[in-house]
Amino acid sequence: MAGQKQPSTADAGTTIPSAEAVDIAQLVEDLDAMLTRLRLVAIHEQLDPLLEDAARRELNLREALA
């Protein structure tokens, strides 16, 4: 066994999503479901552009929600 190279994560050729990325994906799914359940169709349809605009304008959460 001496001299054999152990495969590293870089050698595997695959990337594992970070826990943060998985959490964010789950939050997005949950938010979509909540907006649908609450029948907030207009907000659901406009959410991405609204969030992009808030980020571009560097609004905090309270300002973005307002």
N, C-alpha and C. Protein backbone atom coordinates (compact mmCIF):
# COMPACT_ATOMS: atom_id res chain seq x y z
N MET A 1 0.80 -1.19 0.00
CA MET A 1 0.00 0.00 0.00
C MET A 1 0.85 1.26 0.00
N ALA A 2 2.09 1.13 0.42
CA ALA A 2 2.96 2.30 0.44
C ALA A 2 3.18 2.77 -0.98
N GLY A 3 3.18 4.07 -1.16
CA GLY A 3 3.43 4.64 -2.47
C GLY A 3 2.16 4.85 -3.28
N GLN A 4 1.03 4.32 -2.81
CA GLN A 4 -0.21 4.55 -3.54
C GLN A 4 -0.78 5.91 -3.15
N LYS A 5 -1.20 6.63 -4.14
CA LYS A 5 -1.74 7.96 -3.91
C LYS A 5 -3.22 7.86 -3.52
N GLN A 6 -3.58 8.51 -2.43
CA GLN A 6 -4.97 8.57 -2.02
C GLN A 6 -5.66 9.65 -2.83
N PRO A 7 -6.85 9.37 -3.37
CA PRO A 7 -7.54 10.40 -4.14
C PRO A 7 -7.98 11.55 -3.25
N SER A 8 -7.75 12.74 -3.74
CA SER A 8 -8.21 13.91 -3.01
C SER A 8 -9.54 14.35 -3.57
N THR A 9 -10.18 15.31 -2.92
CA THR A 9 -11.46 15.80 -3.42
C THR A 9 -11.26 16.49 -4.77
N ALA A 10 -10.10 17.07 -4.99
CA ALA A 10 -9.83 17.71 -6.28
C ALA A 10 -9.71 16.67 -7.38
N ASP A 11 -9.18 15.48 -7.06
CA ASP A 11 -9.03 14.43 -8.05
C ASP A 11 -10.37 13.80 -8.42
N ALA A 12 -11.34 13.90 -7.55
CA ALA A 12 -12.62 13.23 -7.77
C ALA A 12 -13.38 13.84 -8.93
N GLY A 13 -13.18 15.12 -9.21
CA GLY A 13 -13.84 15.75 -10.34
C GLY A 13 -15.28 16.14 -10.05
N THR A 14 -15.70 16.04 -8.81
CA THR A 14 -17.05 16.44 -8.45
C THR A 14 -16.97 17.48 -7.35
N THR A 15 -17.99 18.31 -7.33
CA THR A 15 -18.05 19.29 -6.26
C THR A 15 -19.29 19.01 -5.43
N ILE A 16 -19.15 19.18 -4.16
CA ILE A 16 -20.25 18.98 -3.24
C ILE A 16 -20.76 20.35 -2.86
N PRO A 17 -22.08 20.60 -3.03
CA PRO A 17 -22.58 21.92 -2.68
C PRO A 17 -22.41 22.18 -1.19
N SER A 18 -22.10 23.42 -0.87
CA SER A 18 -21.92 23.77 0.53
C SER A 18 -23.26 23.69 1.25
N ALA A 19 -23.20 23.55 2.55
CA ALA A 19 -24.41 23.50 3.36
C ALA A 19 -25.20 24.79 3.19
N GLU A 20 -24.48 25.91 3.04
CA GLU A 20 -25.15 27.20 2.87
C GLU A 20 -25.95 27.22 1.57
N ALA A 21 -25.39 26.70 0.48
CA ALA A 21 -26.09 26.67 -0.80
C ALA A 21 -27.33 25.80 -0.71
N VAL A 22 -27.23 24.67 -0.03
CA VAL A 22 -28.38 23.79 0.13
C VAL A 22 -29.44 24.48 0.97
N ASP A 23 -29.04 25.15 2.04
CA ASP A 23 -29.99 25.86 2.88
C ASP A 23 -30.71 26.95 2.11
N ILE A 24 -29.99 27.69 1.29
CA ILE A 24 -30.60 28.75 0.50
C ILE A 24 -31.60 28.18 -0.50
N ALA A 25 -31.24 27.09 -1.14
CA ALA A 25 -32.15 26.46 -2.09
C ALA A 25 -33.43 26.02 -1.39
N GLN A 26 -33.31 25.47 -0.19
CA GLN A 26 -34.48 25.05 0.57
C GLN A 26 -35.32 26.25 0.99
N LEU A 27 -34.67 27.33 1.37
CA LEU A 27 -35.40 28.55 1.74
C LEU A 27 -36.20 29.10 0.56
N VAL A 28 -35.61 29.08 -0.62
CA VAL A 28 -36.29 29.56 -1.82
C VAL A 28 -37.52 28.70 -2.09
N GLU A 29 -37.36 27.38 -2.01
CA GLU A 29 -38.50 26.48 -2.21
C GLU A 29 -39.59 26.74 -1.18
N ASP A 30 -39.19 26.90 0.08
CA ASP A 30 -40.16 27.15 1.14
C ASP A 30 -40.90 28.47 0.91
N LEU A 31 -40.17 29.51 0.51
CA LEU A 31 -40.78 30.80 0.27
C LEU A 31 -41.77 30.72 -0.88
N ASP A 32 -41.40 30.04 -1.96
CA ASP A 32 -42.31 29.86 -3.08
C ASP A 32 -43.60 29.17 -2.63
N ALA A 33 -43.46 28.13 -1.82
CA ALA A 33 -44.64 27.40 -1.33
C ALA A 33 -45.50 28.28 -0.44
N MET A 34 -44.87 29.07 0.43
CA MET A 34 -45.63 29.95 1.32
C MET A 34 -46.39 31.02 0.55
N LEU A 35 -45.73 31.63 -0.43
CA LEU A 35 -46.40 32.66 -1.22
C LEU A 35 -47.58 32.09 -1.98
N THR A 36 -47.43 30.88 -2.49
CA THR A 36 -48.54 30.21 -3.20
C THR A 36 -49.67 29.90 -2.22
N ARG A 37 -49.34 29.34 -1.06
CA ARG A 37 -50.35 28.98 -0.07
C ARG A 37 -51.11 30.21 0.42
N LEU A 38 -50.41 31.34 0.55
CA LEU A 38 -51.05 32.57 1.00
C LEU A 38 -51.73 33.33 -0.14
N ARG A 39 -51.65 32.77 -1.33
CA ARG A 39 -52.26 33.35 -2.53
C ARG A 39 -51.71 34.74 -2.83
N LEU A 40 -50.43 34.89 -2.63
CA LEU A 40 -49.74 36.14 -2.95
C LEU A 40 -49.09 35.99 -4.33
N VAL A 41 -49.94 35.80 -5.32
CA VAL A 41 -49.48 35.49 -6.67
C VAL A 41 -48.65 36.62 -7.26
N ALA A 42 -49.09 37.86 -7.06
CA ALA A 42 -48.36 39.00 -7.65
C ALA A 42 -46.95 39.09 -7.07
N ILE A 43 -46.83 38.92 -5.76
CA ILE A 43 -45.50 38.96 -5.15
C ILE A 43 -44.66 37.79 -5.64
N HIS A 44 -45.28 36.62 -5.73
CA HIS A 44 -44.56 35.43 -6.20
C HIS A 44 -44.01 35.65 -7.61
N GLU A 45 -44.81 36.26 -8.47
CA GLU A 45 -44.40 36.48 -9.86
C GLU A 45 -43.34 37.58 -9.97
N GLN A 46 -43.35 38.54 -9.06
CA GLN A 46 -42.44 39.68 -9.13
C GLN A 46 -41.26 39.58 -8.17
N LEU A 47 -41.15 38.49 -7.44
CA LEU A 47 -40.16 38.39 -6.37
C LEU A 47 -38.73 38.56 -6.87
N ASP A 48 -38.35 37.84 -7.92
CA ASP A 48 -36.96 37.94 -8.39
C ASP A 48 -36.59 39.36 -8.82
N PRO A 49 -37.40 40.02 -9.65
CA PRO A 49 -37.04 41.40 -10.01
C PRO A 49 -37.02 42.34 -8.79
N LEU A 50 -37.94 42.14 -7.85
CA LEU A 50 -37.95 42.98 -6.65
C LEU A 50 -36.68 42.80 -5.83
N LEU A 51 -36.26 41.55 -5.66
CA LEU A 51 -35.04 41.28 -4.89
C LEU A 51 -33.80 41.79 -5.61
N GLU A 52 -33.77 41.66 -6.93
CA GLU A 52 -32.63 42.17 -7.69
C GLU A 52 -32.54 43.69 -7.57
N ASP A 53 -33.69 44.36 -7.63
CA ASP A 53 -33.72 45.81 -7.50
C ASP A 53 -33.27 46.22 -6.10
N ALA A 54 -33.73 45.50 -5.08
CA ALA A 54 -33.32 45.81 -3.70
C ALA A 54 -31.82 45.63 -3.52
N ALA A 55 -31.26 44.59 -4.10
CA ALA A 55 -29.82 44.36 -4.00
C ALA A 55 -29.04 45.45 -4.72
N ARG A 56 -29.50 45.82 -5.91
CA ARG A 56 -28.84 46.86 -6.70
C ARG A 56 -28.85 48.19 -5.95
N ARG A 57 -29.95 48.46 -5.26
CA ARG A 57 -30.09 49.72 -4.52
C ARG A 57 -29.53 49.61 -3.10
N GLU A 58 -28.99 48.43 -2.77
CA GLU A 58 -28.39 48.17 -1.46
C GLU A 58 -29.35 48.46 -0.31
N LEU A 59 -30.59 47.99 -0.47
CA LEU A 59 -31.60 48.17 0.56
C LEU A 59 -31.45 47.10 1.63
N ASN A 60 -31.73 47.47 2.88
CA ASN A 60 -31.75 46.45 3.92
C ASN A 60 -33.09 45.71 3.83
N LEU A 61 -33.27 44.70 4.64
CA LEU A 61 -34.47 43.87 4.56
C LEU A 61 -35.74 44.67 4.78
N ARG A 62 -35.73 45.52 5.80
CA ARG A 62 -36.93 46.33 6.10
C ARG A 62 -37.28 47.23 4.91
N GLU A 63 -36.26 47.88 4.32
CA GLU A 63 -36.50 48.77 3.18
C GLU A 63 -37.01 47.98 1.98
N ALA A 64 -36.46 46.81 1.76
CA ALA A 64 -36.87 45.99 0.62
C ALA A 64 -38.32 45.53 0.78
N LEU A 65 -38.69 45.14 1.99
CA LEU A 65 -40.07 44.71 2.24
C LEU A 65 -41.05 45.86 2.11
N ALA A 66 -40.63 47.04 2.52
CA ALA A 66 -41.50 48.22 2.41
C ALA A 66 -41.72 48.55 0.94
